[in-house]
Protein backbone atom coordinates (compact mmCIF):
# COMPACT_ATOMS: atom_id res chain seq x y z
CA MET A 1 89.47 103.56 108.01
CA ILE A 2 91.50 101.50 105.53
CA ARG A 3 94.95 102.65 104.43
CA VAL A 4 96.27 101.50 101.06
CA LEU A 5 99.89 102.14 100.10
CA ALA A 6 100.61 102.16 96.35
CA LEU A 7 104.27 102.03 95.30
CA GLY A 8 105.64 103.19 91.98
CA ASP A 9 107.53 101.00 89.49
CA ILE A 10 110.19 98.89 91.22
CA VAL A 11 113.44 99.19 89.24
CA GLY A 12 116.21 96.65 89.83
CA THR A 13 116.98 94.01 92.41
CA GLU A 14 118.61 96.52 94.79
CA ALA A 15 115.23 98.20 95.09
CA ILE A 16 113.74 94.86 96.14
CA SER A 17 116.43 94.58 98.82
CA VAL A 18 115.52 98.02 100.18
CA LEU A 19 111.85 97.03 100.31
CA LYS A 20 112.82 93.91 102.22
CA GLN A 21 114.60 96.07 104.80
CA GLN A 22 112.07 98.88 105.11
CA LEU A 23 108.58 98.05 103.88
CA TRP A 24 107.26 96.29 106.97
CA LYS A 25 108.59 99.13 109.12
CA GLN A 26 106.72 101.65 106.97
CA ARG A 27 103.58 99.53 107.01
CA THR A 28 103.65 99.63 110.79
CA GLN A 29 104.51 103.33 111.05
CA TRP A 30 101.76 104.41 108.65
CA GLN A 31 99.29 101.72 109.82
CA VAL A 32 98.97 100.38 106.28
CA ASP A 33 96.41 97.65 105.68
CA PHE A 34 97.25 96.81 102.06
CA VAL A 35 100.20 97.36 99.72
CA VAL A 36 100.12 97.31 95.94
CA ALA A 37 103.29 97.82 93.88
CA ASN A 38 104.09 97.88 90.20
CA GLY A 39 106.85 95.33 89.54
CA GLU A 40 107.32 95.31 85.78
CA ASN A 41 110.84 96.81 85.87
CA ALA A 42 112.20 94.88 88.82
CA THR A 43 114.35 92.45 86.81
CA ASP A 44 116.96 94.08 84.54
CA ILE A 45 114.67 97.10 83.98
CA HIS A 46 112.55 95.39 81.32
CA GLY A 47 110.35 92.79 82.99
CA LEU A 48 109.92 90.65 86.07
CA CYS A 49 111.09 87.08 86.62
CA ALA A 50 109.32 84.60 88.88
CA ARG A 51 112.09 84.67 91.50
CA ASP A 52 111.92 88.46 91.88
CA ALA A 53 108.13 88.37 91.91
CA GLN A 54 108.22 86.06 94.93
CA LEU A 55 110.85 88.26 96.62
CA ILE A 56 108.61 91.31 96.21
CA LEU A 57 105.68 89.48 97.76
CA ASP A 58 107.91 88.35 100.62
CA CYS A 59 108.81 92.00 101.29
CA GLY A 60 105.24 92.77 102.32
CA VAL A 61 103.58 93.65 99.03
CA ASP A 62 100.08 92.19 98.82
CA VAL A 63 99.48 92.57 95.08
CA ILE A 64 101.96 93.17 92.25
CA THR A 65 100.73 94.98 89.16
CA LEU A 66 102.52 94.93 85.81
CA GLY A 67 102.61 96.73 82.46
CA ASN A 68 104.00 96.69 78.94
CA HIS A 69 107.00 94.50 79.94
CA THR A 70 104.81 91.82 81.52
CA TYR A 71 105.93 88.99 79.25
CA SER A 72 109.68 89.67 79.03
CA PHE A 73 110.57 86.65 81.22
CA ARG A 74 108.96 83.36 80.29
CA ASP A 75 109.32 81.87 83.77
CA LEU A 76 106.78 84.44 84.96
CA TYR A 77 104.04 82.91 82.78
CA PRO A 78 103.27 79.95 85.07
CA PHE A 79 103.77 82.18 88.14
CA LEU A 80 100.98 84.43 86.88
CA GLU A 81 98.67 81.45 86.54
CA GLU A 82 99.61 79.97 89.93
CA HIS A 83 99.31 83.22 91.94
CA PRO A 84 96.26 85.06 90.52
CA ASP A 85 95.48 86.64 93.90
CA SER A 86 98.95 88.14 94.30
CA ILE A 87 100.06 89.27 90.83
CA ILE A 88 97.97 90.72 88.02
CA ARG A 89 98.84 91.89 84.51
CA PRO A 90 97.08 94.53 82.41
CA ALA A 91 93.52 93.35 81.86
CA ASN A 92 93.42 94.66 78.29
CA TYR A 93 95.92 92.10 77.03
CA PRO A 94 94.18 89.41 74.96
CA PRO A 95 92.43 86.78 77.12
CA GLU A 96 94.76 84.09 75.74
CA CYS A 97 97.73 85.70 77.52
CA PRO A 98 98.87 84.16 80.82
CA GLY A 99 97.52 85.64 84.00
CA CYS A 100 94.53 87.75 84.94
CA GLY A 101 93.93 91.49 84.91
CA TYR A 102 92.19 91.78 88.25
CA THR A 103 91.69 90.09 91.60
CA VAL A 104 89.55 90.55 94.71
CA ARG A 105 91.30 90.55 98.09
CA ASP A 106 89.97 90.68 101.63
CA VAL A 107 91.17 93.81 103.46
CA CYS A 108 89.91 94.33 107.00
CA GLY A 109 86.78 92.37 106.18
CA TYR A 110 86.04 94.32 102.99
CA ARG A 111 86.35 92.98 99.44
CA LEU A 112 88.91 95.04 97.50
CA LEU A 113 88.83 94.69 93.71
CA CYS A 114 92.31 95.36 92.26
CA ILE A 115 92.48 96.14 88.52
CA ASN A 116 95.47 96.73 86.23
CA VAL A 117 95.25 98.20 82.71
CA ASN A 118 97.71 99.47 80.11
CA GLY A 119 97.19 102.75 78.35
CA THR A 120 97.18 102.76 74.55
CA VAL A 121 98.59 106.23 73.75
CA PHE A 122 102.32 106.17 72.80
CA ILE A 123 102.49 102.57 74.08
CA ASP A 124 101.28 99.08 73.11
CA ALA A 125 98.09 98.92 71.05
CA LEU A 126 95.94 96.78 73.33
CA ALA A 127 92.20 96.67 73.89
CA ASN A 128 90.48 99.90 74.86
CA PRO A 129 91.18 100.40 78.60
CA PHE A 130 87.93 102.31 79.17
CA ASP A 131 85.88 99.40 77.83
CA THR A 132 88.04 96.86 79.65
CA VAL A 133 87.52 98.48 83.05
CA SER A 134 83.80 98.92 82.43
CA HIS A 135 83.41 95.24 81.60
CA ILE A 136 85.28 94.20 84.76
CA LEU A 137 83.12 96.40 86.99
CA GLU A 138 79.98 95.00 85.40
CA ARG A 139 81.20 91.41 85.62
CA GLU A 140 82.19 91.74 89.27
CA ALA A 141 79.18 93.78 90.40
CA GLU A 142 78.04 92.82 93.92
CA LYS A 143 81.29 90.87 94.41
CA TYR A 144 83.39 93.74 95.80
CA ASP A 145 83.05 96.65 98.21
CA LEU A 146 85.99 98.85 97.17
CA ALA A 147 88.18 99.05 94.09
CA LEU A 148 91.59 100.30 93.02
CA LEU A 149 93.08 100.78 89.56
CA ASP A 150 96.69 100.89 88.37
CA ILE A 151 96.75 102.77 85.05
CA HIS A 152 100.08 101.85 83.45
CA ALA A 153 100.29 104.49 80.74
CA GLU A 154 102.53 107.01 79.03
CA ALA A 155 100.07 109.84 78.42
CA THR A 156 99.03 111.82 81.48
CA SER A 157 95.85 112.88 79.69
CA GLU A 158 94.81 109.25 79.20
CA LYS A 159 95.34 108.50 82.89
CA LEU A 160 93.29 111.48 84.00
CA ALA A 161 90.56 110.71 81.46
CA LEU A 162 90.21 107.20 82.88
CA ALA A 163 90.08 108.63 86.38
CA ARG A 164 87.33 111.08 85.43
CA VAL A 165 85.27 108.35 83.79
CA PHE A 166 85.48 106.03 86.81
CA ASP A 167 85.32 108.67 89.54
CA GLY A 168 82.93 107.39 92.19
CA ARG A 169 83.08 103.81 90.91
CA ILE A 170 86.73 103.06 91.73
CA THR A 171 87.89 104.19 95.16
CA ALA A 172 91.61 104.74 94.46
CA MET A 173 93.26 105.27 91.06
CA PHE A 174 96.92 105.89 90.30
CA GLY A 175 99.23 105.96 87.32
CA THR A 176 102.50 104.12 86.81
CA HIS A 177 105.07 103.75 83.98
CA THR A 178 106.70 107.19 83.67
CA HIS A 179 108.81 106.78 86.85
CA VAL A 180 108.36 110.48 87.72
CA ALA A 181 106.01 111.33 90.58
CA THR A 182 103.37 113.94 89.80
CA ALA A 183 102.14 116.57 92.24
CA ASP A 184 98.42 116.31 91.45
CA GLU A 185 97.21 114.01 94.23
CA GLN A 186 93.54 114.81 94.78
CA ILE A 187 90.06 113.68 95.70
CA LEU A 188 87.92 113.76 92.58
CA PRO A 189 84.36 115.21 92.68
CA ARG A 190 82.62 111.87 93.31
CA GLY A 191 85.01 110.77 96.03
CA SER A 192 87.76 108.80 94.29
CA GLY A 193 91.39 109.30 95.27
CA TYR A 194 93.77 109.91 92.37
CA ILE A 195 97.37 110.70 91.37
CA THR A 196 98.65 110.71 87.78
CA ASP A 197 101.93 108.91 88.55
CA LEU A 198 103.34 107.37 91.71
CA GLY A 199 106.95 107.76 90.63
CA MET A 200 109.58 105.05 91.00
CA THR A 201 111.00 102.73 93.61
CA GLY A 202 114.59 102.59 92.44
CA PRO A 203 118.02 104.24 92.20
CA THR A 204 118.10 108.04 92.16
CA ASP A 205 121.48 108.54 90.42
CA GLY A 206 120.32 107.71 86.91
CA ILE A 207 117.57 108.55 84.43
CA LEU A 208 114.30 106.85 85.33
CA GLY A 209 116.33 104.17 87.13
CA THR A 210 118.58 103.54 84.13
CA ASP A 211 122.31 104.27 83.91
CA ALA A 212 122.49 107.95 82.92
CA GLU A 213 125.40 107.77 80.48
CA THR A 214 123.71 105.01 78.52
CA VAL A 215 120.53 107.04 78.14
CA ILE A 216 122.44 110.19 77.19
CA THR A 217 124.41 108.27 74.55
CA LYS A 218 121.16 106.93 73.13
CA PHE A 219 119.70 110.43 72.85
CA ARG A 220 122.86 111.94 71.33
CA THR A 221 123.72 109.19 68.85
CA HIS A 222 120.42 107.37 68.21
CA MET A 223 122.45 104.16 68.27
CA PRO A 224 121.20 101.03 70.07
CA GLN A 225 122.29 100.78 73.70
CA ARG A 226 121.99 98.08 76.35
CA PHE A 227 120.24 99.72 79.26
CA THR A 228 121.42 98.79 82.74
CA VAL A 229 120.12 99.71 86.18
CA ALA A 230 121.64 102.87 87.64
CA GLN A 231 123.73 102.89 90.78
CA GLY A 232 123.26 105.03 93.86
CA PRO A 233 120.78 105.37 96.71
CA ILE A 234 117.37 103.74 96.44
CA ARG A 235 114.22 105.75 97.09
CA ALA A 236 110.72 104.34 97.24
CA CYS A 237 107.97 106.64 95.96
CA GLY A 238 104.25 106.14 96.16
CA ALA A 239 101.00 107.39 97.60
CA LEU A 240 98.99 106.59 100.72
CA PHE A 241 95.22 106.46 100.27
CA GLU A 242 92.96 106.74 103.33
CA ILE A 243 89.57 105.21 102.59
CA ASP A 244 86.22 105.19 104.37
CA PRO A 245 85.12 101.65 103.49
CA ASP A 246 81.49 102.10 104.54
CA ALA A 247 81.02 105.21 102.41
CA GLY A 248 83.16 103.76 99.63
CA LYS A 249 85.06 107.03 99.31
CA CYS A 250 88.66 108.13 99.59
CA LEU A 251 89.23 110.65 102.37
CA SER A 252 92.80 111.66 101.59
CA VAL A 253 95.74 111.01 99.28
CA ARG A 254 99.31 111.95 100.07
CA ARG A 255 102.60 111.32 98.35
CA VAL A 256 105.11 109.34 100.40
CA THR A 257 108.78 108.42 100.08
CA PHE A 258 111.17 106.32 102.11
């Protein structure tokens, strides 16, 4: 049995501090073998700097995934190139962009292929994520035993469509970006574990991790606002996937918080 913990979008530096205090305890309690977390909102909501990326890894996260704010901080560019096994960006960005969209990690003696893609509905117009994932699986054939996919996308239908297409080929698939956890965790017909969105690792007293009054003012006035991280308690949301590595199938998926 291999247990993979996937954490939703980390929002703000206080959330990183909470992970530093609690993540290793949760890894031990739940007997987690591998942790993947989306970090694209960890620095000032829009992006991730190199310093915060290293702090997240130091907390006990094995691989950081990213999204549409990947390139907000220029100091992350060389970090992406220097740590390709620990931080990946959406694979459907142009190949000229810094970083890589997937990596293969050893987990309990098995080769785990970790892939990150951006959706293209109501979000950045990047390469087709269906084609991108297919090409990666073909390119890496025979080089991995298990696979996981972070689908960083706005449209729930696009996330589920990707999951249906790659059911049985990717062991665990989960969505990020919307910061609201969905209640559709499931084992798909061909044995893949799936949830449409993991939710958020961030402050609960705001709107999607952002100061509530700022967001409300934006909606009511349509005037530009400078978004800031909300205050209040931090809650980590995610999902725990239990995988049979020999069968290459997910046995269970459950939502978790701490």
